[in-house]
PDB file of all heavy atoms in Angstrom:
ATOM      1  N   ALA A   1     107.176 119.634  69.321  1.00  0.00           N
ATOM      2  CA  ALA A   1     108.373 118.963  69.914  1.00  0.00           C
ATOM      3  C   ALA A   1     108.065 118.513  71.252  1.00  0.00           C
ATOM      4  O   ALA A   1     107.344 119.073  72.112  1.00  0.00           O
ATOM      5  CB  ALA A   1     109.501 120.066  69.917  1.00  0.00           C
ATOM      6  N   ILE A   2     108.473 117.258  71.569  1.00  0.00           N
ATOM      7  CA  ILE A   2     108.454 116.734  72.818  1.00  0.00           C
ATOM      8  C   ILE A   2     109.895 116.226  73.296  1.00  0.00           C
ATOM      9  O   ILE A   2     110.697 115.973  72.407  1.00  0.00           O
ATOM     10  CB  ILE A   2     107.438 115.620  73.109  1.00  0.00           C
ATOM     11  CG1 ILE A   2     107.733 114.397  72.210  1.00  0.00           C
ATOM     12  CG2 ILE A   2     106.046 116.128  72.725  1.00  0.00           C
ATOM     13  CD1 ILE A   2     106.893 113.163  72.495  1.00  0.00           C
ATOM     14  N   ASP A   3     110.116 116.156  74.587  1.00  0.00           N
ATOM     15  CA  ASP A   3     111.420 115.727  75.015  1.00  0.00           C
ATOM     16  C   ASP A   3     111.374 114.467  75.996  1.00  0.00           C
ATOM     17  O   ASP A   3     112.314 114.256  76.640  1.00  0.00           O
ATOM     18  CB  ASP A   3     112.379 116.902  75.490  1.00  0.00           C
ATOM     19  CG  ASP A   3     111.732 117.534  76.742  1.00  0.00           C
ATOM     20  OD1 ASP A   3     110.488 117.185  77.050  1.00  0.00           O
ATOM     21  OD2 ASP A   3     112.264 118.514  77.218  1.00  0.00           O
ATOM     22  N   GLY A   4     110.183 113.891  76.031  1.00  0.00           N
ATOM     23  CA  GLY A   4     110.030 112.790  76.919  1.00  0.00           C
ATOM     24  C   GLY A   4     108.548 112.556  77.163  1.00  0.00           C
ATOM     25  O   GLY A   4     107.723 113.087  76.475  1.00  0.00           O
ATOM     26  N   VAL A   5     108.229 111.741  78.165  1.00  0.00           N
ATOM     27  CA  VAL A   5     106.892 111.522  78.670  1.00  0.00           C
ATOM     28  C   VAL A   5     106.871 111.774  80.155  1.00  0.00           C
ATOM     29  O   VAL A   5     107.892 111.806  80.796  1.00  0.00           O
ATOM     30  CB  VAL A   5     106.422 110.115  78.278  1.00  0.00           C
ATOM     31  CG1 VAL A   5     106.289 110.001  76.773  1.00  0.00           C
ATOM     32  CG2 VAL A   5     107.231 109.049  78.905  1.00  0.00           C
ATOM     33  N   VAL A   6     105.578 112.019  80.634  1.00  0.00           N
ATOM     34  CA  VAL A   6     105.350 112.351  81.982  1.00  0.00           C
ATOM     35  C   VAL A   6     104.322 111.230  82.606  1.00  0.00           C
ATOM     36  O   VAL A   6     103.417 110.961  81.955  1.00  0.00           O
ATOM     37  CB  VAL A   6     104.826 113.737  82.236  1.00  0.00           C
ATOM     38  CG1 VAL A   6     104.493 113.966  83.728  1.00  0.00           C
ATOM     39  CG2 VAL A   6     105.753 114.814  81.817  1.00  0.00           C
ATOM     40  N   TYR A   7     104.784 110.764  83.841  1.00  0.00           N
ATOM     41  CA  TYR A   7     103.796 109.856  84.421  1.00  0.00           C
ATOM     42  C   TYR A   7     103.362 110.429  85.819  1.00  0.00           C
ATOM     43  O   TYR A   7     104.101 111.021  86.587  1.00  0.00           O
ATOM     44  CB  TYR A   7     104.559 108.526  84.891  1.00  0.00           C
ATOM     45  CG  TYR A   7     105.251 108.033  83.709  1.00  0.00           C
ATOM     46  CD1 TYR A   7     106.744 107.465  83.918  1.00  0.00           C
ATOM     47  CD2 TYR A   7     104.873 107.709  82.436  1.00  0.00           C
ATOM     48  CE1 TYR A   7     107.413 106.959  82.912  1.00  0.00           C
ATOM     49  CE2 TYR A   7     105.520 107.093  81.535  1.00  0.00           C
ATOM     50  CZ  TYR A   7     106.811 106.811  81.713  1.00  0.00           C
ATOM     51  OH  TYR A   7     107.604 106.153  80.676  1.00  0.00           O
ATOM     52  N   LYS A   8     102.018 110.330  86.070  1.00  0.00           N
ATOM     53  CA  LYS A   8     101.422 110.917  87.253  1.00  0.00           C
ATOM     54  C   LYS A   8     100.560 109.720  87.970  1.00  0.00           C
ATOM     55  O   LYS A   8      99.840 109.063  87.188  1.00  0.00           O
ATOM     56  CB  LYS A   8     100.588 112.053  87.012  1.00  0.00           C
ATOM     57  CG  LYS A   8     101.391 113.297  86.740  1.00  0.00           C
ATOM     58  CD  LYS A   8     100.460 114.507  86.758  1.00  0.00           C
ATOM     59  CE  LYS A   8     101.247 115.750  86.367  1.00  0.00           C
ATOM     60  NZ  LYS A   8     100.456 117.011  86.236  1.00  0.00           N
ATOM     61  N   VAL A   9     100.696 109.506  89.261  1.00  0.00           N
ATOM     62  CA  VAL A   9      99.784 108.676  89.872  1.00  0.00           C
ATOM     63  C   VAL A   9      98.425 109.059  89.687  1.00  0.00           C
ATOM     64  O   VAL A   9      98.070 110.372  89.917  1.00  0.00           O
ATOM     65  CB  VAL A   9     100.077 108.586  91.442  1.00  0.00           C
ATOM     66  CG1 VAL A   9      99.095 107.760  92.148  1.00  0.00           C
ATOM     67  CG2 VAL A   9     101.544 107.914  91.651  1.00  0.00           C
ATOM     68  N   ASN A  10      97.491 108.196  89.292  1.00  0.00           N
ATOM     69  CA  ASN A  10      96.100 108.699  88.909  1.00  0.00           C
ATOM     70  C   ASN A  10      95.262 109.081  90.120  1.00  0.00           C
ATOM     71  O   ASN A  10      94.495 110.101  90.031  1.00  0.00           O
ATOM     72  CB  ASN A  10      95.416 107.692  88.075  1.00  0.00           C
ATOM     73  CG  ASN A  10      94.186 108.191  87.384  1.00  0.00           C
ATOM     74  OD1 ASN A  10      94.069 109.343  87.068  1.00  0.00           O
ATOM     75  ND2 ASN A  10      93.238 107.197  87.015  1.00  0.00           N
ATOM     76  N   GLN A  11      95.440 108.298  91.208  1.00  0.00           N
ATOM     77  CA  GLN A  11      94.468 108.651  92.348  1.00  0.00           C
ATOM     78  C   GLN A  11      94.881 109.917  93.066  1.00  0.00           C
ATOM     79  O   GLN A  11      96.169 109.897  93.600  1.00  0.00           O
ATOM     80  CB  GLN A  11      94.432 107.457  93.222  1.00  0.00           C
ATOM     81  CG  GLN A  11      93.510 106.236  92.727  1.00  0.00           C
ATOM     82  CD  GLN A  11      93.505 105.109  93.767  1.00  0.00           C
ATOM     83  OE1 GLN A  11      93.894 103.955  93.387  1.00  0.00           O
ATOM     84  NE2 GLN A  11      92.895 105.340  94.869  1.00  0.00           N
ATOM     85  N   ILE A  12      93.999 110.773  93.313  1.00  0.00           N
ATOM     86  CA  ILE A  12      94.361 112.010  93.861  1.00  0.00           C
ATOM     87  C   ILE A  12      94.697 111.837  95.415  1.00  0.00           C
ATOM     88  O   ILE A  12      95.694 112.519  95.953  1.00  0.00           O
ATOM     89  CB  ILE A  12      93.314 113.122  93.798  1.00  0.00           C
ATOM     90  CG1 ILE A  12      92.893 113.441  92.336  1.00  0.00           C
ATOM     91  CG2 ILE A  12      93.615 114.433  94.575  1.00  0.00           C
ATOM     92  CD1 ILE A  12      94.115 113.952  91.504  1.00  0.00           C
ATOM     93  N   ASP A  13      94.027 110.916  96.151  1.00  0.00           N
ATOM     94  CA  ASP A  13      94.360 110.697  97.536  1.00  0.00           C
ATOM     95  C   ASP A  13      95.860 110.119  97.672  1.00  0.00           C
ATOM     96  O   ASP A  13      96.460 110.479  98.622  1.00  0.00           O
ATOM     97  CB  ASP A  13      93.345 109.853  98.208  1.00  0.00           C
ATOM     98  CG  ASP A  13      93.258 108.531  97.555  1.00  0.00           C
ATOM     99  OD1 ASP A  13      93.556 108.357  96.378  1.00  0.00           O
ATOM    100  OD2 ASP A  13      92.811 107.527  98.240  1.00  0.00           O
ATOM    101  N   TYR A  14      96.274 109.274  96.662  1.00  0.00           N
ATOM    102  CA  TYR A  14      97.643 108.759  96.699  1.00  0.00           C
ATOM    103  C   TYR A  14      98.632 109.958  96.526  1.00  0.00           C
ATOM    104  O   TYR A  14      99.701 110.030  97.035  1.00  0.00           O
ATOM    105  CB  TYR A  14      97.781 107.700  95.665  1.00  0.00           C
ATOM    106  CG  TYR A  14      97.187 106.420  96.004  1.00  0.00           C
ATOM    107  CD1 TYR A  14      97.042 105.320  95.077  1.00  0.00           C
ATOM    108  CD2 TYR A  14      96.838 106.074  97.358  1.00  0.00           C
ATOM    109  CE1 TYR A  14      96.611 104.094  95.355  1.00  0.00           C
ATOM    110  CE2 TYR A  14      96.193 104.800  97.661  1.00  0.00           C
ATOM    111  CZ  TYR A  14      96.222 103.877  96.715  1.00  0.00           C
ATOM    112  OH  TYR A  14      95.651 102.622  97.067  1.00  0.00           O
ATOM    113  N   GLN A  15      98.254 110.772  95.607  1.00  0.00           N
ATOM    114  CA  GLN A  15      99.214 112.006  95.325  1.00  0.00           C
ATOM    115  C   GLN A  15      99.327 112.780  96.579  1.00  0.00           C
ATOM    116  O   GLN A  15     100.489 113.217  96.805  1.00  0.00           O
ATOM    117  CB  GLN A  15      98.557 112.918  94.212  1.00  0.00           C
ATOM    118  CG  GLN A  15      98.525 112.322  92.819  1.00  0.00           C
ATOM    119  CD  GLN A  15      98.097 113.323  91.851  1.00  0.00           C
ATOM    120  OE1 GLN A  15      97.934 114.506  92.147  1.00  0.00           O
ATOM    121  NE2 GLN A  15      97.881 112.867  90.596  1.00  0.00           N
ATOM    122  N   THR A  16      98.215 112.955  97.359  1.00  0.00           N
ATOM    123  CA  THR A  16      98.378 113.730  98.559  1.00  0.00           C
ATOM    124  C   THR A  16      99.158 113.102  99.518  1.00  0.00           C
ATOM    125  O   THR A  16     100.008 113.804 100.272  1.00  0.00           O
ATOM    126  CB  THR A  16      96.839 113.976  99.073  1.00  0.00           C
ATOM    127  OG1 THR A  16      95.995 114.651  98.111  1.00  0.00           O
ATOM    128  CG2 THR A  16      96.875 114.788 100.419  1.00  0.00           C
ATOM    129  N   ARG A  17      99.062 111.858  99.654  1.00  0.00           N
ATOM    130  CA  ARG A  17      99.911 110.988 100.705  1.00  0.00           C
ATOM    131  C   ARG A  17     101.337 110.972 100.284  1.00  0.00           C
ATOM    132  O   ARG A  17     102.154 111.104 101.184  1.00  0.00           O
ATOM    133  CB  ARG A  17      99.409 109.613 100.760  1.00  0.00           C
ATOM    134  CG  ARG A  17      98.034 109.361 101.467  1.00  0.00           C
ATOM    135  CD  ARG A  17      97.580 108.065 101.422  1.00  0.00           C
ATOM    136  NE  ARG A  17      98.364 107.057 101.905  1.00  0.00           N
ATOM    137  CZ  ARG A  17      98.220 105.654 101.791  1.00  0.00           C
ATOM    138  NH1 ARG A  17      97.140 105.264 101.403  1.00  0.00           N
ATOM    139  NH2 ARG A  17      99.101 104.795 102.326  1.00  0.00           N
ATOM    140  N   LEU A  18     101.631 110.901  99.020  1.00  0.00           N
ATOM    141  CA  LEU A  18     103.035 110.897  98.610  1.00  0.00           C
ATOM    142  C   LEU A  18     103.648 112.253  98.805  1.00  0.00           C
ATOM    143  O   LEU A  18     104.754 112.405  99.156  1.00  0.00           O
ATOM    144  CB  LEU A  18     103.178 110.498  97.106  1.00  0.00           C
ATOM    145  CG  LEU A  18     102.912 109.008  96.933  1.00  0.00           C
ATOM    146  CD1 LEU A  18     102.671 108.708  95.385  1.00  0.00           C
ATOM    147  CD2 LEU A  18     103.994 108.131  97.430  1.00  0.00           C
ATOM    148  N   GLY A  19     102.893 113.309  98.498  1.00  0.00           N
ATOM    149  CA  GLY A  19     103.411 114.814  98.674  1.00  0.00           C
ATOM    150  C   GLY A  19     104.568 115.160  97.830  1.00  0.00           C
ATOM    151  O   GLY A  19     104.647 114.727  96.573  1.00  0.00           O
ATOM    152  N   PHE A  20     105.498 115.978  98.428  1.00  0.00           N
ATOM    153  CA  PHE A  20     106.642 116.514  97.647  1.00  0.00           C
ATOM    154  C   PHE A  20     107.878 116.395  98.418  1.00  0.00           C
ATOM    155  O   PHE A  20     107.953 116.273  99.603  1.00  0.00           O
ATOM    156  CB  PHE A  20     106.291 118.044  97.534  1.00  0.00           C
ATOM    157  CG  PHE A  20     105.043 118.290  96.728  1.00  0.00           C
ATOM    158  CD1 PHE A  20     103.882 118.374  97.384  1.00  0.00           C
ATOM    159  CD2 PHE A  20     105.091 118.552  95.321  1.00  0.00           C
ATOM    160  CE1 PHE A  20     102.741 118.684  96.772  1.00  0.00           C
ATOM    161  CE2 PHE A  20     103.868 118.836  94.763  1.00  0.00           C
ATOM    162  CZ  PHE A  20     102.676 118.921  95.459  1.00  0.00           C
ATOM    163  N   VAL A  21     108.972 116.329  97.663  1.00  0.00           N
ATOM    164  CA  VAL A  21     110.288 116.279  98.296  1.00  0.00           C
ATOM    165  C   VAL A  21     111.159 117.331  97.587  1.00  0.00           C
ATOM    166  O   VAL A  21     111.222 117.407  96.316  1.00  0.00           O
ATOM    167  CB  VAL A  21     110.925 114.932  98.248  1.00  0.00           C
ATOM    168  CG1 VAL A  21     111.037 114.551  96.792  1.00  0.00           C
ATOM    169  CG2 VAL A  21     112.328 114.943  98.861  1.00  0.00           C
ATOM    170  N   MET A  22     111.722 118.238  98.343  1.00  0.00           N
ATOM    171  CA  MET A  22     112.552 119.354  97.857  1.00  0.00           C
ATOM    172  C   MET A  22     111.763 120.214  96.727  1.00  0.00           C
ATOM    173  O   MET A  22     110.794 120.732  97.144  1.00  0.00           O
ATOM    174  CB  MET A  22     113.885 118.787  97.255  1.00  0.00           C
ATOM    175  CG  MET A  22     114.885 118.381  98.369  1.00  0.00           C
ATOM    176  SD  MET A  22     116.583 118.159  97.700  1.00  0.00           S
ATOM    177  CE  MET A  22     116.362 116.611  96.752  1.00  0.00           C
ATOM    178  N   ARG A  23     112.210 120.075  95.450  1.00  0.00           N
ATOM    179  CA  ARG A  23     111.560 120.942  94.468  1.00  0.00           C
ATOM    180  C   ARG A  23     110.563 120.183  93.654  1.00  0.00           C
ATOM    181  O   ARG A  23     110.150 120.728  92.579  1.00  0.00           O
ATOM    182  CB  ARG A  23     112.768 121.520  93.558  1.00  0.00           C
ATOM    183  CG  ARG A  23     113.468 120.444  92.862  1.00  0.00           C
ATOM    184  CD  ARG A  23     114.383 121.112  91.816  1.00  0.00           C
ATOM    185  NE  ARG A  23     114.862 119.976  90.924  1.00  0.00           N
ATOM    186  CZ  ARG A  23     115.380 120.174  89.724  1.00  0.00           C
ATOM    187  NH1 ARG A  23     115.445 121.318  89.263  1.00  0.00           N
ATOM    188  NH2 ARG A  23     115.806 119.147  89.024  1.00  0.00           N
ATOM    189  N   ALA A  24     110.264 118.926  93.939  1.00  0.00           N
ATOM    190  CA  ALA A  24     109.508 118.061  93.011  1.00  0.00           C
ATOM    191  C   ALA A  24     108.424 117.247  93.634  1.00  0.00           C
ATOM    192  O   ALA A  24     108.513 116.890  94.822  1.00  0.00           O
ATOM    193  CB  ALA A  24     110.463 117.184  92.101  1.00  0.00           C
TER     194      ALA A  24
END
């Protein structure tokens, strides 16, 4: 069972720059 799909920015340095907001 799946209930959707997940997208993640591929580049790790971009992930670090974007960071987090509240709980996500």
